[in-house]
Protein backbone atom coordinates (compact mmCIF):
# COMPACT_ATOMS: atom_id res chain seq x y z
CA MET A 1 5.94 -23.40 -37.61
CA SER A 2 6.06 -19.57 -37.87
CA PHE A 3 3.28 -17.32 -36.82
CA ASP A 4 2.55 -16.41 -40.36
CA GLU A 5 1.67 -20.03 -41.09
CA VAL A 6 -0.99 -19.97 -38.30
CA PRO A 7 -4.03 -18.04 -39.40
CA SER A 8 -6.16 -17.09 -36.44
CA ASP A 9 -9.28 -18.55 -37.99
CA GLU A 10 -7.70 -21.97 -37.86
CA MET A 11 -7.03 -21.59 -34.05
CA SER A 12 -9.75 -22.99 -31.74
CA SER A 13 -10.07 -22.97 -27.98
CA ASP A 14 -8.97 -26.68 -28.06
CA ASP A 15 -5.47 -25.45 -29.23
CA GLU A 16 -5.05 -23.42 -26.06
CA PRO A 17 -3.48 -24.95 -23.09
CA SER A 18 -6.06 -25.53 -20.26
CA SER A 19 -3.80 -24.21 -17.70
CA ASP A 20 -3.82 -20.81 -19.40
CA GLU A 21 -6.10 -18.06 -18.23
CA ALA A 22 -6.54 -14.84 -20.34
CA SER A 23 -7.98 -11.50 -19.45
CA ASP A 24 -8.48 -8.47 -21.41
CA ASP A 25 -8.87 -4.87 -20.43
CA ASP A 26 -8.99 -2.15 -23.12
CA ASN A 27 -6.43 -3.66 -25.52
CA LEU A 28 -4.29 -5.05 -22.76
CA SER A 29 -4.24 -8.77 -22.45
CA THR A 30 -2.83 -11.03 -19.89
CA VAL A 31 -2.30 -14.78 -20.19
CA ARG A 32 -1.37 -16.63 -17.03
CA HIS A 33 0.62 -19.96 -17.77
CA GLU A 34 0.72 -22.61 -15.04
CA GLY A 35 3.01 -25.56 -15.07
CA ASP A 36 6.02 -25.93 -17.25
CA LEU A 37 6.90 -23.86 -20.31
CA ASP A 38 8.75 -26.51 -22.37
CA ILE A 39 8.73 -28.36 -25.66
CA VAL A 40 5.29 -29.79 -24.62
CA THR A 41 3.58 -26.47 -24.03
CA SER A 42 5.53 -23.80 -25.98
CA GLU A 43 3.89 -24.14 -29.24
CA ASP A 44 0.39 -23.70 -27.73
CA VAL A 45 1.47 -20.77 -25.65
CA LYS A 46 2.99 -19.15 -28.96
CA ARG A 47 -0.23 -19.57 -30.68
CA GLN A 48 -2.41 -18.20 -27.97
CA LEU A 49 -0.19 -15.11 -27.60
CA ALA A 50 0.11 -14.67 -31.31
CA SER A 51 -3.74 -14.82 -31.48
CA LEU A 52 -3.81 -11.80 -28.98
CA VAL A 53 -1.36 -9.93 -31.11
CA GLU A 54 -3.46 -10.46 -34.17
CA ASP A 55 -6.50 -9.40 -32.30
CA GLY A 56 -5.23 -5.81 -32.04
CA CYS A 57 -4.05 -5.79 -28.38
CA THR A 58 -1.56 -2.96 -27.73
CA THR A 59 0.17 -4.88 -24.86
CA VAL A 60 0.33 -8.67 -24.22
CA THR A 61 1.53 -9.84 -20.89
CA LEU A 62 2.56 -13.42 -20.10
CA ASP A 63 2.23 -14.16 -16.19
CA LEU A 64 4.81 -16.75 -15.41
CA ARG A 65 4.29 -16.63 -11.52
CA SER A 66 3.11 -20.35 -11.52
CA VAL A 67 5.79 -21.69 -13.96
CA GLY A 68 8.06 -24.30 -12.46
CA PHE A 69 10.48 -25.08 -15.30
CA VAL A 70 11.51 -23.37 -18.63
CA ASP A 71 13.53 -25.31 -21.28
CA SER A 72 15.08 -24.06 -24.47
CA SER A 73 11.84 -24.43 -26.32
CA GLY A 74 10.22 -22.23 -23.78
CA LEU A 75 12.95 -19.70 -24.08
CA GLY A 76 12.63 -19.88 -27.99
CA ALA A 77 8.81 -19.24 -27.68
CA LEU A 78 9.31 -16.14 -25.63
CA VAL A 79 11.78 -14.79 -28.20
CA ALA A 80 9.49 -15.56 -31.14
CA VAL A 81 6.53 -13.91 -29.48
CA HIS A 82 8.66 -10.88 -28.65
CA ASN A 83 9.83 -10.53 -32.26
CA TYR A 84 6.35 -11.13 -33.60
CA ALA A 85 4.73 -8.66 -31.48
CA GLN A 86 7.48 -5.97 -31.92
CA ALA A 87 7.27 -6.32 -35.70
CA ARG A 88 3.45 -5.56 -35.26
CA GLY A 89 4.00 -2.61 -32.85
CA VAL A 90 2.60 -4.50 -29.78
CA GLU A 91 4.41 -4.56 -26.54
CA PHE A 92 5.16 -8.03 -25.05
CA VAL A 93 5.69 -8.17 -21.42
CA VAL A 94 6.82 -11.06 -19.12
CA SER A 95 5.49 -10.76 -15.60
CA GLY A 96 5.62 -12.63 -12.40
CA ALA A 97 8.61 -14.62 -13.28
CA PRO A 98 9.85 -16.65 -10.34
CA THR A 99 13.62 -16.06 -9.24
CA HIS A 100 14.87 -19.21 -11.04
CA VAL A 101 13.22 -18.12 -14.28
CA ARG A 102 14.57 -14.61 -13.85
CA ASP A 103 18.02 -16.23 -13.26
CA LEU A 104 17.67 -18.12 -16.49
CA PHE A 105 16.69 -14.88 -18.33
CA SER A 106 19.95 -13.26 -17.02
CA LEU A 107 22.10 -16.36 -17.83
CA THR A 108 20.87 -16.36 -21.30
CA ARG A 109 20.87 -12.61 -21.56
CA LEU A 110 17.18 -12.56 -22.39
CA ASP A 111 16.60 -9.98 -19.72
CA ASN A 112 18.34 -7.44 -22.26
CA LEU A 113 15.71 -8.47 -25.07
CA LEU A 114 12.49 -9.12 -23.23
CA THR A 115 10.50 -6.72 -21.24
CA VAL A 116 10.33 -8.28 -17.81
CA ALA A 117 8.17 -6.57 -15.35
CA PRO A 118 10.02 -6.01 -12.01
CA GLY A 119 8.94 -7.07 -8.58
CA ASP A 120 5.75 -9.03 -9.40
CA VAL A 121 6.62 -11.94 -7.48
CA ALA A 122 7.16 -12.23 -3.69
CA GLN A 123 10.73 -13.26 -2.83
CA PRO A 124 11.04 -16.05 -0.40
CA GLU A 125 11.85 -15.17 3.10
CA PRO A 126 15.36 -15.55 4.00
CA LYS A 127 16.13 -18.72 6.17
CA PRO A 128 16.90 -17.96 9.68
CA ASP A 129 20.60 -18.01 10.68
CA ALA A 130 21.59 -21.27 12.43
CA ASP A 131 22.98 -19.06 15.18
CA GLY A 132 19.65 -17.81 16.07
């Protein structure tokens, strides 16, 4: 389903994943997604983010700090939201991506397409050397 086929008046709060939290601040909106971003959740995430774009936000940020797994449907949702936002003059930013998600963006070269905010996630402490 494309974004153009989902009028915002047909969307209800029941359509939004319960693990997402949204906050607004002067046309800046952030959605925090928890759990996996996959075939099960990607359509709901797309709808929620598209709604923010349609509502006139100038910047929409998706906080992925609590995401454990991203599959091809999740990546496709991010690309679709990016394209949808860009076509409407809205900036779409991905923040808080854990290292394994950043590595996936790099592997798929989505880091060249998406705006990925740097340094939002604390890196794990290096393991101590076995020698001491």
